[in-house]
Amino acid sequence: MKEKHTEEEHLAMDKANQSMIEHAFESVLWGTRFFVLLAVIFSMIGGIALFIVASVDVWHVAGTVFTNYFGHAGHVANFHEKIVAELIGAIDLYLIAIVLFIFGFGLYELFISKIDVAERSAASKILEIHSLDELKDKLAKVIIMVLIVGFFKRAMHTTYGGALDMLALAGAILALALAFYFMHKGDSH
């Protein structure tokens, strides 16, 4: 009877040791989620950098407009097209910066913690992420907008040789409009 009791004690000790090892491993495994902070931090840095670059581009456009209309410089050829193209490029950079911000906020909320300050804010709904699918959906919508802006920028610089080229442009615009419609069809707003 004493041997059986000792055997049960050994089984209990083995189970306790296994539980401690399992707990230690799971703690280390759970702690590795903090590596996501690298993606969060560098997404924010990238987004801030793009906001700065786009803002400097817009400042440059404003300076060019001021110089062209009020300064002593002569009028630049294709001035309006150049200004619009530069502004569209800035919008493109702003949208990509927004993608980086949404990505960083979403990763943080999914892997680390809810952002308490954002939950108390009235503007928090736009960056609120509850699942990976919701993060992918928000990113996809902004990326589609980046592609639409990129298409618009390229369409401005394309030379059209005839009616067939114009028909292709109209078809592409129709396809973009339909994609945009179906992208927002399921939204509640």
C-alpha atoms as a PDB file:
ATOM      1  CA  MET A   1       0.000   0.000   0.000  1.00  0.00           C
ATOM      2  CA  LYS A   2       2.864   2.324   0.770  1.00  0.00           C
ATOM      3  CA  GLU A   3       4.372   1.775  -2.746  1.00  0.00           C
ATOM      4  CA  LYS A   4       1.082   2.702  -4.396  1.00  0.00           C
ATOM      5  CA  HIS A   5       0.948   5.896  -2.371  1.00  0.00           C
ATOM      6  CA  THR A   6       4.507   6.763  -3.427  1.00  0.00           C
ATOM      7  CA  GLU A   7       3.661   6.064  -7.070  1.00  0.00           C
ATOM      8  CA  GLU A   8       0.682   8.439  -6.859  1.00  0.00           C
ATOM      9  CA  GLU A   9       2.926  11.078  -5.312  1.00  0.00           C
ATOM     10  CA  HIS A  10       5.418  10.660  -8.175  1.00  0.00           C
ATOM     11  CA  LEU A  11       2.634  11.030 -10.731  1.00  0.00           C
ATOM     12  CA  ALA A  12       1.434  14.196  -8.988  1.00  0.00           C
ATOM     13  CA  MET A  13       4.990  15.602  -8.902  1.00  0.00           C
ATOM     14  CA  ASP A  14       5.514  14.763 -12.597  1.00  0.00           C
ATOM     15  CA  LYS A  15       2.231  16.443 -13.430  1.00  0.00           C
ATOM     16  CA  ALA A  16       3.219  19.529 -11.391  1.00  0.00           C
ATOM     17  CA  ASN A  17       6.618  19.690 -13.136  1.00  0.00           C
ATOM     18  CA  GLN A  18       4.965  19.293 -16.533  1.00  0.00           C
ATOM     19  CA  SER A  19       2.476  21.998 -15.600  1.00  0.00           C
ATOM     20  CA  MET A  20       5.309  24.348 -14.584  1.00  0.00           C
ATOM     21  CA  ILE A  21       7.195  23.704 -17.851  1.00  0.00           C
ATOM     22  CA  GLU A  22       4.014  24.109 -19.856  1.00  0.00           C
ATOM     23  CA  HIS A  23       3.178  27.337 -18.002  1.00  0.00           C
ATOM     24  CA  ALA A  24       6.697  28.715 -18.562  1.00  0.00           C
ATOM     25  CA  PHE A  25       6.601  27.855 -22.267  1.00  0.00           C
ATOM     26  CA  GLU A  26       3.145  29.351 -22.717  1.00  0.00           C
ATOM     27  CA  SER A  27       4.246  32.515 -20.894  1.00  0.00           C
ATOM     28  CA  VAL A  28       7.233  32.903 -23.228  1.00  0.00           C
ATOM     29  CA  LEU A  29       5.050  32.107 -26.240  1.00  0.00           C
ATOM     30  CA  TRP A  30       2.445  34.695 -25.175  1.00  0.00           C
ATOM     31  CA  GLY A  31       5.183  37.263 -24.563  1.00  0.00           C
ATOM     32  CA  THR A  32       6.416  36.994 -28.155  1.00  0.00           C
ATOM     33  CA  ARG A  33       3.321  38.923 -29.242  1.00  0.00           C
ATOM     34  CA  PHE A  34       5.180  42.057 -28.140  1.00  0.00           C
ATOM     35  CA  PHE A  35       7.350  41.737 -31.265  1.00  0.00           C
ATOM     36  CA  VAL A  36       4.277  43.136 -33.029  1.00  0.00           C
ATOM     37  CA  LEU A  37       5.273  46.444 -31.437  1.00  0.00           C
ATOM     38  CA  LEU A  38       8.075  46.671 -34.008  1.00  0.00           C
ATOM     39  CA  ALA A  39       5.506  46.692 -36.810  1.00  0.00           C
ATOM     40  CA  VAL A  40       3.343  49.161 -34.873  1.00  0.00           C
ATOM     41  CA  ILE A  41       6.203  51.576 -34.164  1.00  0.00           C
ATOM     42  CA  PHE A  42       7.649  51.490 -37.671  1.00  0.00           C
ATOM     43  CA  SER A  43       4.194  51.782 -39.268  1.00  0.00           C
ATOM     44  CA  MET A  44       3.666  54.949 -37.256  1.00  0.00           C
ATOM     45  CA  ILE A  45       7.119  56.270 -38.182  1.00  0.00           C
ATOM     46  CA  GLY A  46       6.456  55.499 -41.859  1.00  0.00           C
ATOM     47  CA  GLY A  47       3.034  57.153 -41.696  1.00  0.00           C
ATOM     48  CA  ILE A  48       4.427  60.272 -40.042  1.00  0.00           C
ATOM     49  CA  ALA A  49       7.230  60.430 -42.623  1.00  0.00           C
ATOM     50  CA  LEU A  50       4.699  60.220 -45.470  1.00  0.00           C
ATOM     51  CA  PHE A  51       2.521  62.914 -43.885  1.00  0.00           C
ATOM     52  CA  ILE A  52       5.556  65.185 -43.681  1.00  0.00           C
ATOM     53  CA  VAL A  53       6.650  64.481 -47.276  1.00  0.00           C
ATOM     54  CA  ALA A  54       3.116  65.020 -48.627  1.00  0.00           C
ATOM     55  CA  SER A  55       2.747  68.241 -46.644  1.00  0.00           C
ATOM     56  CA  VAL A  56       6.075  69.545 -47.970  1.00  0.00           C
ATOM     57  CA  ASP A  57       4.871  68.688 -51.488  1.00  0.00           C
ATOM     58  CA  VAL A  58       1.653  70.665 -50.943  1.00  0.00           C
ATOM     59  CA  TRP A  59       3.699  73.560 -49.514  1.00  0.00           C
ATOM     60  CA  HIS A  60       5.863  73.444 -52.639  1.00  0.00           C
ATOM     61  CA  VAL A  61       2.744  73.555 -54.846  1.00  0.00           C
ATOM     62  CA  ALA A  62       1.412  76.533 -52.901  1.00  0.00           C
ATOM     63  CA  GLY A  63       4.757  78.309 -53.343  1.00  0.00           C
ATOM     64  CA  THR A  64       4.746  77.558 -57.071  1.00  0.00           C
ATOM     65  CA  VAL A  65       1.198  78.902 -57.427  1.00  0.00           C
ATOM     66  CA  PHE A  66       2.106  82.045 -55.521  1.00  0.00           C
ATOM     67  CA  THR A  67       5.254  82.587 -57.590  1.00  0.00           C
ATOM     68  CA  ASN A  68       3.463  81.890 -60.867  1.00  0.00           C
ATOM     69  CA  TYR A  69       0.534  84.224 -60.246  1.00  0.00           C
ATOM     70  CA  PHE A  70       1.972  86.919 -58.000  1.00  0.00           C
ATOM     71  CA  GLY A  71       5.708  86.709 -58.509  1.00  0.00           C
ATOM     72  CA  HIS A  72       7.892  87.912 -61.300  1.00  0.00           C
ATOM     73  CA  ALA A  73       8.334  84.501 -62.885  1.00  0.00           C
ATOM     74  CA  GLY A  74       6.813  83.823 -66.255  1.00  0.00           C
ATOM     75  CA  HIS A  75       3.908  81.432 -66.616  1.00  0.00           C
ATOM     76  CA  VAL A  76       4.911  77.773 -66.682  1.00  0.00           C
ATOM     77  CA  ALA A  77       3.754  75.635 -69.616  1.00  0.00           C
ATOM     78  CA  ASN A  78       0.965  73.194 -68.674  1.00  0.00           C
ATOM     79  CA  PHE A  79       0.865  74.886 -65.286  1.00  0.00           C
ATOM     80  CA  HIS A  80      -2.570  73.621 -64.216  1.00  0.00           C
ATOM     81  CA  GLU A  81      -1.802  70.039 -65.178  1.00  0.00           C
ATOM     82  CA  LYS A  82       1.479  70.094 -63.234  1.00  0.00           C
ATOM     83  CA  ILE A  83      -0.149  71.566 -60.135  1.00  0.00           C
ATOM     84  CA  VAL A  84      -3.029  69.077 -60.187  1.00  0.00           C
ATOM     85  CA  ALA A  85      -0.621  66.178 -60.738  1.00  0.00           C
ATOM     86  CA  GLU A  86       1.532  67.246 -57.779  1.00  0.00           C
ATOM     87  CA  LEU A  87      -1.526  67.623 -55.548  1.00  0.00           C
ATOM     88  CA  ILE A  88      -2.808  64.201 -56.579  1.00  0.00           C
ATOM     89  CA  GLY A  89       0.611  62.789 -55.736  1.00  0.00           C
ATOM     90  CA  ALA A  90       0.338  64.357 -52.271  1.00  0.00           C
ATOM     91  CA  ILE A  91      -3.122  62.868 -51.796  1.00  0.00           C
ATOM     92  CA  ASP A  92      -1.661  59.496 -52.761  1.00  0.00           C
ATOM     93  CA  LEU A  93       1.017  59.856 -50.077  1.00  0.00           C
ATOM     94  CA  TYR A  94      -1.555  60.910 -47.478  1.00  0.00           C
ATOM     95  CA  LEU A  95      -3.680  57.839 -48.264  1.00  0.00           C
ATOM     96  CA  ILE A  96      -0.686  55.501 -47.979  1.00  0.00           C
ATOM     97  CA  ALA A  97       0.154  57.141 -44.629  1.00  0.00           C
ATOM     98  CA  ILE A  98      -3.405  56.439 -43.507  1.00  0.00           C
ATOM     99  CA  VAL A  99      -2.945  52.780 -44.510  1.00  0.00           C
ATOM    100  CA  LEU A 100       0.141  52.623 -42.288  1.00  0.00           C
ATOM    101  CA  PHE A 101      -1.715  54.235 -39.380  1.00  0.00           C
ATOM    102  CA  ILE A 102      -4.713  51.908 -39.656  1.00  0.00           C
ATOM    103  CA  PHE A 103      -2.341  48.943 -39.886  1.00  0.00           C
ATOM    104  CA  GLY A 104      -0.362  50.033 -36.815  1.00  0.00           C
ATOM    105  CA  PHE A 105      -3.431  50.803 -34.683  1.00  0.00           C
ATOM    106  CA  GLY A 106      -5.103  47.572 -35.764  1.00  0.00           C
ATOM    107  CA  LEU A 107      -2.096  45.405 -34.925  1.00  0.00           C
ATOM    108  CA  TYR A 108      -1.777  47.066 -31.544  1.00  0.00           C
ATOM    109  CA  GLU A 109      -5.438  46.522 -30.695  1.00  0.00           C
ATOM    110  CA  LEU A 110      -5.453  42.929 -31.939  1.00  0.00           C
ATOM    111  CA  PHE A 111      -2.226  41.725 -30.350  1.00  0.00           C
ATOM    112  CA  ILE A 112      -1.379  43.999 -27.427  1.00  0.00           C
ATOM    113  CA  SER A 113      -4.278  45.908 -25.876  1.00  0.00           C
ATOM    114  CA  LYS A 114      -7.227  48.160 -26.557  1.00  0.00           C
ATOM    115  CA  ILE A 115      -6.241  51.825 -26.719  1.00  0.00           C
ATOM    116  CA  ASP A 116      -8.067  53.284 -23.716  1.00  0.00           C
ATOM    117  CA  VAL A 117      -7.587  56.905 -24.791  1.00  0.00           C
ATOM    118  CA  ALA A 118      -9.115  56.138 -28.193  1.00  0.00           C
ATOM    119  CA  GLU A 119     -12.151  54.436 -26.684  1.00  0.00           C
ATOM    120  CA  ARG A 120     -12.972  57.614 -24.741  1.00  0.00           C
ATOM    121  CA  SER A 121     -12.600  59.733 -27.884  1.00  0.00           C
ATOM    122  CA  ALA A 122     -15.507  60.541 -30.170  1.00  0.00           C
ATOM    123  CA  ALA A 123     -13.323  59.933 -33.240  1.00  0.00           C
ATOM    124  CA  SER A 124     -12.231  56.448 -32.177  1.00  0.00           C
ATOM    125  CA  LYS A 125     -14.617  54.493 -34.416  1.00  0.00           C
ATOM    126  CA  ILE A 126     -12.509  54.930 -37.533  1.00  0.00           C
ATOM    127  CA  LEU A 127      -9.470  53.248 -35.987  1.00  0.00           C
ATOM    128  CA  GLU A 128     -11.353  50.724 -33.846  1.00  0.00           C
ATOM    129  CA  ILE A 129     -10.430  47.175 -34.880  1.00  0.00           C
ATOM    130  CA  HIS A 130     -12.066  44.060 -33.401  1.00  0.00           C
ATOM    131  CA  SER A 131     -10.824  41.306 -35.704  1.00  0.00           C
ATOM    132  CA  LEU A 132      -8.256  40.557 -38.363  1.00  0.00           C
ATOM    133  CA  ASP A 133     -11.015  40.520 -40.990  1.00  0.00           C
ATOM    134  CA  GLU A 134     -12.100  44.019 -39.950  1.00  0.00           C
ATOM    135  CA  LEU A 135      -8.475  45.207 -40.213  1.00  0.00           C
ATOM    136  CA  LYS A 136      -8.144  43.671 -43.688  1.00  0.00           C
ATOM    137  CA  ASP A 137     -11.443  45.248 -44.768  1.00  0.00           C
ATOM    138  CA  LYS A 138     -10.419  48.743 -43.652  1.00  0.00           C
ATOM    139  CA  LEU A 139      -6.992  48.388 -45.243  1.00  0.00           C
ATOM    140  CA  ALA A 140      -8.486  47.100 -48.491  1.00  0.00           C
ATOM    141  CA  LYS A 141     -10.809  50.101 -48.761  1.00  0.00           C
ATOM    142  CA  VAL A 142      -7.996  52.603 -48.313  1.00  0.00           C
ATOM    143  CA  ILE A 143      -5.709  50.672 -50.668  1.00  0.00           C
ATOM    144  CA  ILE A 144      -8.454  50.721 -53.320  1.00  0.00           C
ATOM    145  CA  MET A 145      -8.657  54.495 -52.877  1.00  0.00           C
ATOM    146  CA  VAL A 146      -4.871  54.690 -53.352  1.00  0.00           C
ATOM    147  CA  LEU A 147      -5.230  52.708 -56.577  1.00  0.00           C
ATOM    148  CA  ILE A 148      -8.047  54.968 -57.790  1.00  0.00           C
ATOM    149  CA  VAL A 149      -5.963  58.077 -57.105  1.00  0.00           C
ATOM    150  CA  GLY A 150      -2.989  56.427 -58.851  1.00  0.00           C
ATOM    151  CA  PHE A 151      -5.180  55.631 -61.841  1.00  0.00           C
ATOM    152  CA  PHE A 152      -6.381  59.244 -61.971  1.00  0.00           C
ATOM    153  CA  LYS A 153      -2.785  60.488 -61.848  1.00  0.00           C
ATOM    154  CA  ARG A 154      -1.723  58.190 -64.696  1.00  0.00           C
ATOM    155  CA  ALA A 155      -4.818  59.028 -66.754  1.00  0.00           C
ATOM    156  CA  MET A 156      -3.861  62.703 -66.604  1.00  0.00           C
ATOM    157  CA  HIS A 157      -0.429  62.019 -68.130  1.00  0.00           C
ATOM    158  CA  THR A 158      -1.633  59.667 -70.850  1.00  0.00           C
ATOM    159  CA  THR A 159      -1.951  60.930 -74.394  1.00  0.00           C
ATOM    160  CA  TYR A 160      -5.058  59.713 -76.151  1.00  0.00           C
ATOM    161  CA  GLY A 161      -4.694  58.966 -79.836  1.00  0.00           C
ATOM    162  CA  GLY A 162      -8.269  58.451 -80.841  1.00  0.00           C
ATOM    163  CA  ALA A 163     -11.784  57.355 -80.030  1.00  0.00           C
ATOM    164  CA  LEU A 164     -10.712  53.844 -79.007  1.00  0.00           C
ATOM    165  CA  ASP A 165      -8.343  55.250 -76.371  1.00  0.00           C
ATOM    166  CA  MET A 166     -11.102  57.489 -75.012  1.00  0.00           C
ATOM    167  CA  LEU A 167     -13.507  54.525 -74.966  1.00  0.00           C
ATOM    168  CA  ALA A 168     -10.943  52.502 -72.984  1.00  0.00           C
ATOM    169  CA  LEU A 169     -10.607  55.389 -70.518  1.00  0.00           C
ATOM    170  CA  ALA A 170     -14.383  55.612 -70.125  1.00  0.00           C
ATOM    171  CA  GLY A 171     -14.552  51.828 -69.566  1.00  0.00           C
ATOM    172  CA  ALA A 172     -11.840  52.001 -66.933  1.00  0.00           C
ATOM    173  CA  ILE A 173     -13.640  54.845 -65.147  1.00  0.00           C
ATOM    174  CA  LEU A 174     -16.892  52.849 -65.249  1.00  0.00           C
ATOM    175  CA  ALA A 175     -15.091  49.793 -63.803  1.00  0.00           C
ATOM    176  CA  LEU A 176     -13.642  51.939 -61.000  1.00  0.00           C
ATOM    177  CA  ALA A 177     -17.051  53.431 -60.246  1.00  0.00           C
ATOM    178  CA  LEU A 178     -18.625  49.968 -60.085  1.00  0.00           C
ATOM    179  CA  ALA A 179     -15.829  48.692 -57.839  1.00  0.00           C
ATOM    180  CA  PHE A 180     -16.293  51.693 -55.550  1.00  0.00           C
ATOM    181  CA  TYR A 181     -20.065  51.121 -55.477  1.00  0.00           C
ATOM    182  CA  PHE A 182     -19.736  47.442 -54.574  1.00  0.00           C
ATOM    183  CA  MET A 183     -17.047  48.235 -52.024  1.00  0.00           C
ATOM    184  CA  HIS A 184     -19.524  50.438 -50.106  1.00  0.00           C
ATOM    185  CA  LYS A 185     -22.712  48.502 -50.844  1.00  0.00           C
ATOM    186  CA  GLY A 186     -22.470  46.402 -47.676  1.00  0.00           C
ATOM    187  CA  ASP A 187     -21.647  49.341 -45.392  1.00  0.00           C
ATOM    188  CA  SER A 188     -24.187  50.573 -42.899  1.00  0.00           C
ATOM    189  CA  HIS A 189     -23.533  54.240 -43.788  1.00  0.00           C
END
